[in-house]
PDB file of all heavy atoms in Angstrom:
ATOM      1  N   ALA A   1       9.971 -29.038 -40.438  1.00  0.00           N
ATOM      2  CA  ALA A   1       9.992 -28.777 -41.875  1.00  0.00           C
ATOM      3  C   ALA A   1       9.950 -30.153 -42.605  1.00  0.00           C
ATOM      4  O   ALA A   1       9.208 -30.317 -43.606  1.00  0.00           O
ATOM      5  CB  ALA A   1      11.296 -27.976 -42.301  1.00  0.00           C
ATOM      6  N   ALA A   2      10.722 -31.173 -42.117  1.00  0.00           N
ATOM      7  CA  ALA A   2      10.727 -32.431 -42.776  1.00  0.00           C
ATOM      8  C   ALA A   2       9.353 -33.102 -42.699  1.00  0.00           C
ATOM      9  O   ALA A   2       8.882 -33.802 -43.614  1.00  0.00           O
ATOM     10  CB  ALA A   2      11.760 -33.332 -42.094  1.00  0.00           C
ATOM     11  N   GLU A   3       8.697 -32.945 -41.544  1.00  0.00           N
ATOM     12  CA  GLU A   3       7.380 -33.468 -41.379  1.00  0.00           C
ATOM     13  C   GLU A   3       6.334 -32.872 -42.293  1.00  0.00           C
ATOM     14  O   GLU A   3       5.522 -33.502 -42.987  1.00  0.00           O
ATOM     15  CB  GLU A   3       6.878 -33.274 -39.946  1.00  0.00           C
ATOM     16  CG  GLU A   3       5.865 -34.302 -39.452  1.00  0.00           C
ATOM     17  CD  GLU A   3       5.752 -34.369 -37.977  1.00  0.00           C
ATOM     18  OE1 GLU A   3       6.811 -34.512 -37.233  1.00  0.00           O
ATOM     19  OE2 GLU A   3       4.663 -34.190 -37.480  1.00  0.00           O
ATOM     20  N   ILE A   4       6.449 -31.506 -42.545  1.00  0.00           N
ATOM     21  CA  ILE A   4       5.573 -30.809 -43.408  1.00  0.00           C
ATOM     22  C   ILE A   4       5.770 -31.347 -44.837  1.00  0.00           C
ATOM     23  O   ILE A   4       4.863 -31.589 -45.628  1.00  0.00           O
ATOM     24  CB  ILE A   4       5.796 -29.303 -43.332  1.00  0.00           C
ATOM     25  CG1 ILE A   4       5.138 -28.822 -42.057  1.00  0.00           C
ATOM     26  CG2 ILE A   4       5.139 -28.530 -44.539  1.00  0.00           C
ATOM     27  CD1 ILE A   4       5.540 -27.367 -41.578  1.00  0.00           C
ATOM     28  N   GLU A   5       7.072 -31.452 -45.229  1.00  0.00           N
ATOM     29  CA  GLU A   5       7.450 -31.950 -46.574  1.00  0.00           C
ATOM     30  C   GLU A   5       6.877 -33.348 -46.823  1.00  0.00           C
ATOM     31  O   GLU A   5       6.379 -33.697 -47.881  1.00  0.00           O
ATOM     32  CB  GLU A   5       8.944 -31.857 -46.835  1.00  0.00           C
ATOM     33  CG  GLU A   5       9.379 -32.418 -48.157  1.00  0.00           C
ATOM     34  CD  GLU A   5       8.825 -31.788 -49.352  1.00  0.00           C
ATOM     35  OE1 GLU A   5       8.302 -30.628 -49.256  1.00  0.00           O
ATOM     36  OE2 GLU A   5       8.877 -32.327 -50.484  1.00  0.00           O
ATOM     37  N   ARG A   6       7.075 -34.254 -45.784  1.00  0.00           N
ATOM     38  CA  ARG A   6       6.496 -35.606 -45.906  1.00  0.00           C
ATOM     39  C   ARG A   6       5.087 -35.627 -46.116  1.00  0.00           C
ATOM     40  O   ARG A   6       4.473 -36.331 -46.967  1.00  0.00           O
ATOM     41  CB  ARG A   6       6.932 -36.375 -44.661  1.00  0.00           C
ATOM     42  CG  ARG A   6       6.532 -37.857 -44.851  1.00  0.00           C
ATOM     43  CD  ARG A   6       7.048 -38.710 -43.626  1.00  0.00           C
ATOM     44  NE  ARG A   6       6.547 -38.255 -42.341  1.00  0.00           N
ATOM     45  CZ  ARG A   6       5.439 -38.737 -41.791  1.00  0.00           C
ATOM     46  NH1 ARG A   6       4.677 -39.536 -42.341  1.00  0.00           N
ATOM     47  NH2 ARG A   6       5.106 -38.205 -40.604  1.00  0.00           N
ATOM     48  N   GLY A   7       4.323 -34.744 -45.412  1.00  0.00           N
ATOM     49  CA  GLY A   7       2.864 -34.588 -45.590  1.00  0.00           C
ATOM     50  C   GLY A   7       2.550 -34.130 -47.006  1.00  0.00           C
ATOM     51  O   GLY A   7       1.633 -34.605 -47.697  1.00  0.00           O
ATOM     52  N   ALA A   8       3.357 -33.191 -47.523  1.00  0.00           N
ATOM     53  CA  ALA A   8       3.099 -32.676 -48.910  1.00  0.00           C
ATOM     54  C   ALA A   8       3.276 -33.753 -50.009  1.00  0.00           C
ATOM     55  O   ALA A   8       2.567 -33.887 -50.930  1.00  0.00           O
ATOM     56  CB  ALA A   8       4.011 -31.415 -49.118  1.00  0.00           C
ATOM     57  N   ILE A   9       4.376 -34.516 -49.778  1.00  0.00           N
ATOM     58  CA  ILE A   9       4.672 -35.641 -50.701  1.00  0.00           C
ATOM     59  C   ILE A   9       3.471 -36.663 -50.652  1.00  0.00           C
ATOM     60  O   ILE A   9       3.019 -37.011 -51.722  1.00  0.00           O
ATOM     61  CB  ILE A   9       6.009 -36.324 -50.369  1.00  0.00           C
ATOM     62  CG1 ILE A   9       7.096 -35.371 -50.615  1.00  0.00           C
ATOM     63  CG2 ILE A   9       6.113 -37.625 -51.059  1.00  0.00           C
ATOM     64  CD1 ILE A   9       8.479 -35.852 -50.087  1.00  0.00           C
ATOM     65  N   GLU A  10       3.021 -36.968 -49.532  1.00  0.00           N
ATOM     66  CA  GLU A  10       1.923 -37.933 -49.445  1.00  0.00           C
ATOM     67  C   GLU A  10       0.605 -37.421 -50.091  1.00  0.00           C
ATOM     68  O   GLU A  10       0.005 -38.068 -50.833  1.00  0.00           O
ATOM     69  CB  GLU A  10       1.592 -38.223 -47.919  1.00  0.00           C
ATOM     70  CG  GLU A  10       2.613 -39.084 -47.196  1.00  0.00           C
ATOM     71  CD  GLU A  10       2.438 -39.224 -45.715  1.00  0.00           C
ATOM     72  OE1 GLU A  10       1.524 -38.547 -45.167  1.00  0.00           O
ATOM     73  OE2 GLU A  10       3.163 -39.970 -45.137  1.00  0.00           O
ATOM     74  N   GLU A  11       0.418 -36.097 -49.901  1.00  0.00           N
ATOM     75  CA  GLU A  11      -0.755 -35.452 -50.503  1.00  0.00           C
ATOM     76  C   GLU A  11      -0.666 -35.468 -52.046  1.00  0.00           C
ATOM     77  O   GLU A  11      -1.636 -35.787 -52.755  1.00  0.00           O
ATOM     78  CB  GLU A  11      -0.904 -34.047 -49.979  1.00  0.00           C
ATOM     79  CG  GLU A  11      -2.187 -33.366 -50.459  1.00  0.00           C
ATOM     80  CD  GLU A  11      -2.317 -31.938 -49.898  1.00  0.00           C
ATOM     81  OE1 GLU A  11      -1.580 -31.583 -48.990  1.00  0.00           O
ATOM     82  OE2 GLU A  11      -3.293 -31.230 -50.344  1.00  0.00           O
ATOM     83  N   ARG A  12       0.490 -35.111 -52.502  1.00  0.00           N
ATOM     84  CA  ARG A  12       0.730 -35.075 -54.019  1.00  0.00           C
ATOM     85  C   ARG A  12       0.557 -36.488 -54.565  1.00  0.00           C
ATOM     86  O   ARG A  12       0.043 -36.679 -55.686  1.00  0.00           O
ATOM     87  CB  ARG A  12       2.088 -34.500 -54.334  1.00  0.00           C
ATOM     88  CG  ARG A  12       2.181 -32.974 -54.161  1.00  0.00           C
ATOM     89  CD  ARG A  12       3.478 -32.438 -54.738  1.00  0.00           C
ATOM     90  NE  ARG A  12       4.674 -32.992 -54.200  1.00  0.00           N
ATOM     91  CZ  ARG A  12       5.364 -32.396 -53.149  1.00  0.00           C
ATOM     92  NH1 ARG A  12       4.905 -31.418 -52.542  1.00  0.00           N
ATOM     93  NH2 ARG A  12       6.438 -32.970 -52.786  1.00  0.00           N
ATOM     94  N   THR A  13       1.128 -37.523 -53.888  1.00  0.00           N
ATOM     95  CA  THR A  13       0.984 -38.856 -54.335  1.00  0.00           C
ATOM     96  C   THR A  13      -0.460 -39.334 -54.352  1.00  0.00           C
ATOM     97  O   THR A  13      -0.945 -39.914 -55.366  1.00  0.00           O
ATOM     98  CB  THR A  13       1.812 -39.775 -53.452  1.00  0.00           C
ATOM     99  OG1 THR A  13       3.239 -39.387 -53.501  1.00  0.00           O
ATOM    100  CG2 THR A  13       1.752 -41.234 -53.904  1.00  0.00           C
ATOM    101  N   ARG A  14      -1.151 -39.038 -53.409  1.00  0.00           N
ATOM    102  CA  ARG A  14      -2.583 -39.476 -53.234  1.00  0.00           C
ATOM    103  C   ARG A  14      -3.415 -38.686 -54.351  1.00  0.00           C
ATOM    104  O   ARG A  14      -4.152 -39.425 -55.059  1.00  0.00           O
ATOM    105  CB  ARG A  14      -3.116 -39.057 -51.866  1.00  0.00           C
ATOM    106  CG  ARG A  14      -4.559 -39.548 -51.655  1.00  0.00           C
ATOM    107  CD  ARG A  14      -5.059 -39.235 -50.199  1.00  0.00           C
ATOM    108  NE  ARG A  14      -4.895 -37.845 -49.831  1.00  0.00           N
ATOM    109  CZ  ARG A  14      -4.005 -37.368 -48.987  1.00  0.00           C
ATOM    110  NH1 ARG A  14      -3.189 -38.257 -48.308  1.00  0.00           N
ATOM    111  NH2 ARG A  14      -3.882 -36.126 -48.665  1.00  0.00           N
ATOM    112  N   ASP A  15      -3.169 -37.422 -54.569  1.00  0.00           N
ATOM    113  CA  ASP A  15      -3.903 -36.656 -55.569  1.00  0.00           C
ATOM    114  C   ASP A  15      -3.518 -37.259 -56.916  1.00  0.00           C
ATOM    115  O   ASP A  15      -4.396 -37.307 -57.882  1.00  0.00           O
ATOM    116  CB  ASP A  15      -3.495 -35.152 -55.541  1.00  0.00           C
ATOM    117  CG  ASP A  15      -4.040 -34.465 -54.293  1.00  0.00           C
ATOM    118  OD1 ASP A  15      -4.943 -35.108 -53.598  1.00  0.00           O
ATOM    119  OD2 ASP A  15      -3.623 -33.330 -54.006  1.00  0.00           O
ATOM    120  N   GLY A  16      -2.251 -37.612 -57.222  1.00  0.00           N
ATOM    121  CA  GLY A  16      -1.886 -38.181 -58.476  1.00  0.00           C
ATOM    122  C   GLY A  16      -2.590 -39.545 -58.725  1.00  0.00           C
ATOM    123  O   GLY A  16      -3.032 -39.778 -59.883  1.00  0.00           O
ATOM    124  N   LEU A  17      -2.618 -40.309 -57.760  1.00  0.00           N
ATOM    125  CA  LEU A  17      -3.292 -41.626 -57.928  1.00  0.00           C
ATOM    126  C   LEU A  17      -4.898 -41.390 -58.148  1.00  0.00           C
ATOM    127  O   LEU A  17      -5.370 -42.101 -58.958  1.00  0.00           O
ATOM    128  CB  LEU A  17      -3.117 -42.554 -56.649  1.00  0.00           C
ATOM    129  CG  LEU A  17      -1.781 -43.056 -56.414  1.00  0.00           C
ATOM    130  CD1 LEU A  17      -1.679 -43.761 -55.028  1.00  0.00           C
ATOM    131  CD2 LEU A  17      -1.424 -44.084 -57.474  1.00  0.00           C
ATOM    132  N   HIS A  18      -5.458 -40.520 -57.463  1.00  0.00           N
ATOM    133  CA  HIS A  18      -6.933 -40.226 -57.675  1.00  0.00           C
ATOM    134  C   HIS A  18      -7.134 -39.683 -59.087  1.00  0.00           C
ATOM    135  O   HIS A  18      -8.094 -40.111 -59.774  1.00  0.00           O
ATOM    136  CB  HIS A  18      -7.391 -39.231 -56.605  1.00  0.00           C
ATOM    137  CG  HIS A  18      -7.545 -39.826 -55.244  1.00  0.00           C
ATOM    138  ND1 HIS A  18      -7.673 -39.086 -54.115  1.00  0.00           N
ATOM    139  CD2 HIS A  18      -7.653 -41.144 -54.875  1.00  0.00           C
ATOM    140  CE1 HIS A  18      -7.757 -39.852 -53.091  1.00  0.00           C
ATOM    141  NE2 HIS A  18      -7.761 -41.066 -53.490  1.00  0.00           N
ATOM    142  N   ARG A  19      -6.229 -38.809 -59.565  1.00  0.00           N
ATOM    143  CA  ARG A  19      -6.393 -38.299 -60.932  1.00  0.00           C
ATOM    144  C   ARG A  19      -6.252 -39.425 -61.930  1.00  0.00           C
ATOM    145  O   ARG A  19      -7.046 -39.528 -62.869  1.00  0.00           O
ATOM    146  CB  ARG A  19      -5.309 -37.250 -61.137  1.00  0.00           C
ATOM    147  CG  ARG A  19      -5.543 -36.578 -62.481  1.00  0.00           C
ATOM    148  CD  ARG A  19      -4.456 -35.431 -62.781  1.00  0.00           C
ATOM    149  NE  ARG A  19      -3.149 -35.903 -62.619  1.00  0.00           N
ATOM    150  CZ  ARG A  19      -2.264 -35.644 -61.577  1.00  0.00           C
ATOM    151  NH1 ARG A  19      -2.672 -34.910 -60.579  1.00  0.00           N
ATOM    152  NH2 ARG A  19      -1.065 -36.150 -61.528  1.00  0.00           N
ATOM    153  N   ALA A  20      -5.287 -40.314 -61.734  1.00  0.00           N
ATOM    154  CA  ALA A  20      -5.085 -41.444 -62.661  1.00  0.00           C
ATOM    155  C   ALA A  20      -6.372 -42.313 -62.666  1.00  0.00           C
ATOM    156  O   ALA A  20      -6.845 -42.681 -63.772  1.00  0.00           O
ATOM    157  CB  ALA A  20      -3.852 -42.293 -62.218  1.00  0.00           C
ATOM    158  N   LEU A  21      -6.939 -42.609 -61.472  1.00  0.00           N
ATOM    159  CA  LEU A  21      -8.174 -43.418 -61.417  1.00  0.00           C
ATOM    160  C   LEU A  21      -9.289 -42.732 -62.166  1.00  0.00           C
ATOM    161  O   LEU A  21     -10.116 -43.301 -62.852  1.00  0.00           O
ATOM    162  CB  LEU A  21      -8.434 -43.725 -59.982  1.00  0.00           C
ATOM    163  CG  LEU A  21      -7.531 -44.797 -59.360  1.00  0.00           C
ATOM    164  CD1 LEU A  21      -7.771 -44.816 -57.862  1.00  0.00           C
ATOM    165  CD2 LEU A  21      -7.601 -46.125 -59.979  1.00  0.00           C
ATOM    166  N   ARG A  22      -9.441 -41.392 -61.860  1.00  0.00           N
ATOM    167  CA  ARG A  22     -10.548 -40.668 -62.547  1.00  0.00           C
ATOM    168  C   ARG A  22     -10.402 -40.655 -64.042  1.00  0.00           C
ATOM    169  O   ARG A  22     -11.313 -40.640 -64.761  1.00  0.00           O
ATOM    170  CB  ARG A  22     -10.559 -39.184 -62.058  1.00  0.00           C
ATOM    171  CG  ARG A  22     -11.230 -38.945 -60.731  1.00  0.00           C
ATOM    172  CD  ARG A  22     -11.512 -37.519 -60.397  1.00  0.00           C
ATOM    173  NE  ARG A  22     -10.349 -36.728 -60.618  1.00  0.00           N
ATOM    174  CZ  ARG A  22      -9.440 -36.457 -59.671  1.00  0.00           C
ATOM    175  NH1 ARG A  22      -9.552 -36.999 -58.496  1.00  0.00           N
ATOM    176  NH2 ARG A  22      -8.417 -35.676 -59.911  1.00  0.00           N
ATOM    177  N   ASP A  23      -9.154 -40.662 -64.540  1.00  0.00           N
ATOM    178  CA  ASP A  23      -8.832 -40.625 -65.988  1.00  0.00           C
ATOM    179  C   ASP A  23      -8.935 -42.084 -66.594  1.00  0.00           C
ATOM    180  O   ASP A  23      -8.605 -42.245 -67.706  1.00  0.00           O
ATOM    181  CB  ASP A  23      -7.469 -40.071 -66.272  1.00  0.00           C
ATOM    182  CG  ASP A  23      -7.378 -38.551 -66.035  1.00  0.00           C
ATOM    183  OD1 ASP A  23      -8.465 -37.929 -65.742  1.00  0.00           O
ATOM    184  OD2 ASP A  23      -6.260 -38.032 -65.846  1.00  0.00           O
ATOM    185  N   GLY A  24      -9.290 -43.065 -65.706  1.00  0.00           N
ATOM    186  CA  GLY A  24      -9.461 -44.457 -66.256  1.00  0.00           C
ATOM    187  C   GLY A  24      -8.132 -45.149 -66.373  1.00  0.00           C
ATOM    188  O   GLY A  24      -8.106 -46.226 -66.994  1.00  0.00           O
ATOM    189  N   ARG A  25      -7.074 -44.641 -65.784  1.00  0.00           N
ATOM    190  CA  ARG A  25      -5.757 -45.331 -65.846  1.00  0.00           C
ATOM    191  C   ARG A  25      -5.636 -46.178 -64.596  1.00  0.00           C
ATOM    192  O   ARG A  25      -6.145 -45.920 -63.464  1.00  0.00           O
ATOM    193  CB  ARG A  25      -4.613 -44.339 -65.914  1.00  0.00           C
ATOM    194  CG  ARG A  25      -4.595 -43.729 -67.293  1.00  0.00           C
ATOM    195  CD  ARG A  25      -3.481 -42.688 -67.400  1.00  0.00           C
ATOM    196  NE  ARG A  25      -3.814 -41.425 -66.630  1.00  0.00           N
ATOM    197  CZ  ARG A  25      -2.970 -40.875 -65.770  1.00  0.00           C
ATOM    198  NH1 ARG A  25      -1.845 -41.275 -65.542  1.00  0.00           N
ATOM    199  NH2 ARG A  25      -3.454 -39.777 -65.142  1.00  0.00           N
ATOM    200  N   GLN A  26      -4.864 -47.308 -64.800  1.00  0.00           N
ATOM    201  CA  GLN A  26      -4.632 -48.251 -63.638  1.00  0.00           C
ATOM    202  C   GLN A  26      -3.268 -47.958 -63.136  1.00  0.00           C
ATOM    203  O   GLN A  26      -2.302 -48.292 -63.687  1.00  0.00           O
ATOM    204  CB  GLN A  26      -4.691 -49.691 -64.229  1.00  0.00           C
ATOM    205  CG  GLN A  26      -4.312 -50.736 -63.161  1.00  0.00           C
ATOM    206  CD  GLN A  26      -5.084 -50.657 -61.885  1.00  0.00           C
ATOM    207  OE1 GLN A  26      -6.261 -50.535 -61.949  1.00  0.00           O
ATOM    208  NE2 GLN A  26      -4.396 -50.697 -60.653  1.00  0.00           N
ATOM    209  N   PRO A  27      -3.238 -47.225 -61.986  1.00  0.00           N
ATOM    210  CA  PRO A  27      -1.791 -46.904 -61.453  1.00  0.00           C
ATOM    211  C   PRO A  27      -1.285 -48.127 -60.607  1.00  0.00           C
ATOM    212  O   PRO A  27      -2.039 -49.006 -60.249  1.00  0.00           O
ATOM    213  CB  PRO A  27      -2.097 -45.763 -60.426  1.00  0.00           C
ATOM    214  CG  PRO A  27      -3.483 -45.926 -60.106  1.00  0.00           C
ATOM    215  CD  PRO A  27      -4.233 -46.584 -61.216  1.00  0.00           C
ATOM    216  N   GLY A  28       0.002 -48.203 -60.452  1.00  0.00           N
ATOM    217  CA  GLY A  28       0.603 -49.145 -59.656  1.00  0.00           C
ATOM    218  C   GLY A  28       1.019 -50.400 -60.363  1.00  0.00           C
ATOM    219  O   GLY A  28       1.033 -50.454 -61.582  1.00  0.00           O
ATOM    220  N   VAL A  29       1.268 -51.435 -59.604  1.00  0.00           N
ATOM    221  CA  VAL A  29       1.747 -52.691 -60.190  1.00  0.00           C
ATOM    222  C   VAL A  29       0.588 -53.545 -60.676  1.00  0.00           C
ATOM    223  O   VAL A  29      -0.483 -53.683 -60.024  1.00  0.00           O
ATOM    224  CB  VAL A  29       2.499 -53.487 -59.077  1.00  0.00           C
ATOM    225  CG1 VAL A  29       3.003 -54.877 -59.605  1.00  0.00           C
ATOM    226  CG2 VAL A  29       3.703 -52.703 -58.642  1.00  0.00           C
ATOM    227  N   VAL A  30       0.758 -54.116 -61.828  1.00  0.00           N
ATOM    228  CA  VAL A  30      -0.288 -55.032 -62.432  1.00  0.00           C
ATOM    229  C   VAL A  30      -0.017 -56.431 -61.905  1.00  0.00           C
ATOM    230  O   VAL A  30       1.121 -57.007 -62.065  1.00  0.00           O
ATOM    231  CB  VAL A  30      -0.202 -55.010 -63.964  1.00  0.00           C
ATOM    232  CG1 VAL A  30      -1.242 -55.908 -64.590  1.00  0.00           C
ATOM    233  CG2 VAL A  30      -0.426 -53.585 -64.523  1.00  0.00           C
ATOM    234  N   PRO A  31      -1.004 -57.086 -61.335  1.00  0.00           N
ATOM    235  CA  PRO A  31      -0.754 -58.386 -60.750  1.00  0.00           C
ATOM    236  C   PRO A  31      -0.403 -59.347 -61.843  1.00  0.00           C
ATOM    237  O   PRO A  31      -0.776 -59.320 -63.065  1.00  0.00           O
ATOM    238  CB  PRO A  31      -2.169 -58.763 -60.176  1.00  0.00           C
ATOM    239  CG  PRO A  31      -2.899 -57.481 -60.049  1.00  0.00           C
ATOM    240  CD  PRO A  31      -2.369 -56.647 -61.127  1.00  0.00           C
ATOM    241  N   PHE A  32       0.533 -60.396 -61.452  1.00  0.00           N
ATOM    242  CA  PHE A  32       0.897 -61.459 -62.313  1.00  0.00           C
ATOM    243  C   PHE A  32      -0.317 -62.129 -62.761  1.00  0.00           C
ATOM    244  O   PHE A  32      -1.194 -62.511 -61.972  1.00  0.00           O
ATOM    245  CB  PHE A  32       1.857 -62.375 -61.582  1.00  0.00           C
ATOM    246  CG  PHE A  32       2.394 -63.454 -62.483  1.00  0.00           C
ATOM    247  CD1 PHE A  32       3.435 -63.103 -63.416  1.00  0.00           C
ATOM    248  CD2 PHE A  32       2.025 -64.729 -62.446  1.00  0.00           C
ATOM    249  CE1 PHE A  32       4.012 -64.029 -64.191  1.00  0.00           C
ATOM    250  CE2 PHE A  32       2.570 -65.663 -63.237  1.00  0.00           C
ATOM    251  CZ  PHE A  32       3.559 -65.353 -64.114  1.00  0.00           C
ATOM    252  N   GLY A  33      -0.351 -62.492 -64.081  1.00  0.00           N
ATOM    253  CA  GLY A  33      -1.531 -63.130 -64.681  1.00  0.00           C
ATOM    254  C   GLY A  33      -2.465 -62.206 -65.372  1.00  0.00           C
ATOM    255  O   GLY A  33      -3.463 -62.648 -66.020  1.00  0.00           O
ATOM    256  N   TYR A  34      -2.172 -60.893 -65.277  1.00  0.00           N
ATOM    257  CA  TYR A  34      -3.013 -59.910 -65.960  1.00  0.00           C
ATOM    258  C   TYR A  34      -2.146 -58.972 -66.721  1.00  0.00           C
ATOM    259  O   TYR A  34      -0.917 -58.775 -66.481  1.00  0.00           O
ATOM    260  CB  TYR A  34      -3.803 -59.063 -64.926  1.00  0.00           C
ATOM    261  CG  TYR A  34      -4.844 -59.897 -64.166  1.00  0.00           C
ATOM    262  CD1 TYR A  34      -4.532 -60.491 -62.963  1.00  0.00           C
ATOM    263  CD2 TYR A  34      -6.146 -59.979 -64.645  1.00  0.00           C
ATOM    264  CE1 TYR A  34      -5.458 -61.184 -62.246  1.00  0.00           C
ATOM    265  CE2 TYR A  34      -7.099 -60.706 -64.039  1.00  0.00           C
ATOM    266  CZ  TYR A  34      -6.722 -61.337 -62.860  1.00  0.00           C
ATOM    267  OH  TYR A  34      -7.694 -62.107 -62.119  1.00  0.00           O
ATOM    268  N   SER A  35      -2.756 -58.222 -67.605  1.00  0.00           N
ATOM    269  CA  SER A  35      -2.166 -57.126 -68.348  1.00  0.00           C
ATOM    270  C   SER A  35      -3.161 -56.025 -68.252  1.00  0.00           C
ATOM    271  O   SER A  35      -4.403 -56.225 -68.023  1.00  0.00           O
ATOM    272  CB  SER A  35      -1.643 -57.359 -69.708  1.00  0.00           C
ATOM    273  OG  SER A  35      -2.727 -57.550 -70.527  1.00  0.00           O
ATOM    274  N   VAL A  36      -2.786 -54.810 -68.542  1.00  0.00           N
ATOM    275  CA  VAL A  36      -3.741 -53.715 -68.610  1.00  0.00           C
ATOM    276  C   VAL A  36      -3.815 -53.215 -70.034  1.00  0.00           C
ATOM    277  O   VAL A  36      -2.774 -53.014 -70.691  1.00  0.00           O
ATOM    278  CB  VAL A  36      -3.318 -52.531 -67.759  1.00  0.00           C
ATOM    279  CG1 VAL A  36      -4.238 -51.338 -67.814  1.00  0.00           C
ATOM    280  CG2 VAL A  36      -3.303 -52.977 -66.255  1.00  0.00           C
ATOM    281  N   GLU A  37      -5.043 -53.127 -70.565  1.00  0.00           N
ATOM    282  CA  GLU A  37      -5.233 -52.608 -71.878  1.00  0.00           C
ATOM    283  C   GLU A  37      -6.310 -51.479 -71.824  1.00  0.00           C
ATOM    284  O   GLU A  37      -7.228 -51.525 -71.071  1.00  0.00           O
ATOM    285  CB  GLU A  37      -5.706 -53.719 -72.792  1.00  0.00           C
ATOM    286  CG  GLU A  37      -4.664 -54.814 -73.079  1.00  0.00           C
ATOM    287  CD  GLU A  37      -5.104 -55.974 -73.972  1.00  0.00           C
ATOM    288  OE1 GLU A  37      -6.194 -55.775 -74.559  1.00  0.00           O
ATOM    289  OE2 GLU A  37      -4.405 -56.928 -74.004  1.00  0.00           O
ATOM    290  N   ARG A  38      -6.060 -50.547 -72.683  1.00  0.00           N
ATOM    291  CA  ARG A  38      -7.068 -49.374 -72.853  1.00  0.00           C
ATOM    292  C   ARG A  38      -8.163 -49.811 -73.702  1.00  0.00           C
ATOM    293  O   ARG A  38      -7.988 -50.363 -74.796  1.00  0.00           O
ATOM    294  CB  ARG A  38      -6.353 -48.222 -73.385  1.00  0.00           C
ATOM    295  CG  ARG A  38      -7.258 -46.979 -73.354  1.00  0.00           C
ATOM    296  CD  ARG A  38      -6.530 -45.660 -73.198  1.00  0.00           C
ATOM    297  NE  ARG A  38      -5.653 -45.548 -72.021  1.00  0.00           N
ATOM    298  CZ  ARG A  38      -5.980 -44.864 -70.966  1.00  0.00           C
ATOM    299  NH1 ARG A  38      -7.193 -44.176 -70.894  1.00  0.00           N
ATOM    300  NH2 ARG A  38      -5.157 -44.742 -69.996  1.00  0.00           N
TER     301      ARG A  38
END
């Protein structure tokens, strides 16, 4: 059950990151020396 839940969390995280990228958003940490602007 724990293994199935871990897989589901990984899948939801991956799907969320892909959705953010498709929507033109920059997910994650912004490297030092840069900012993110729309």
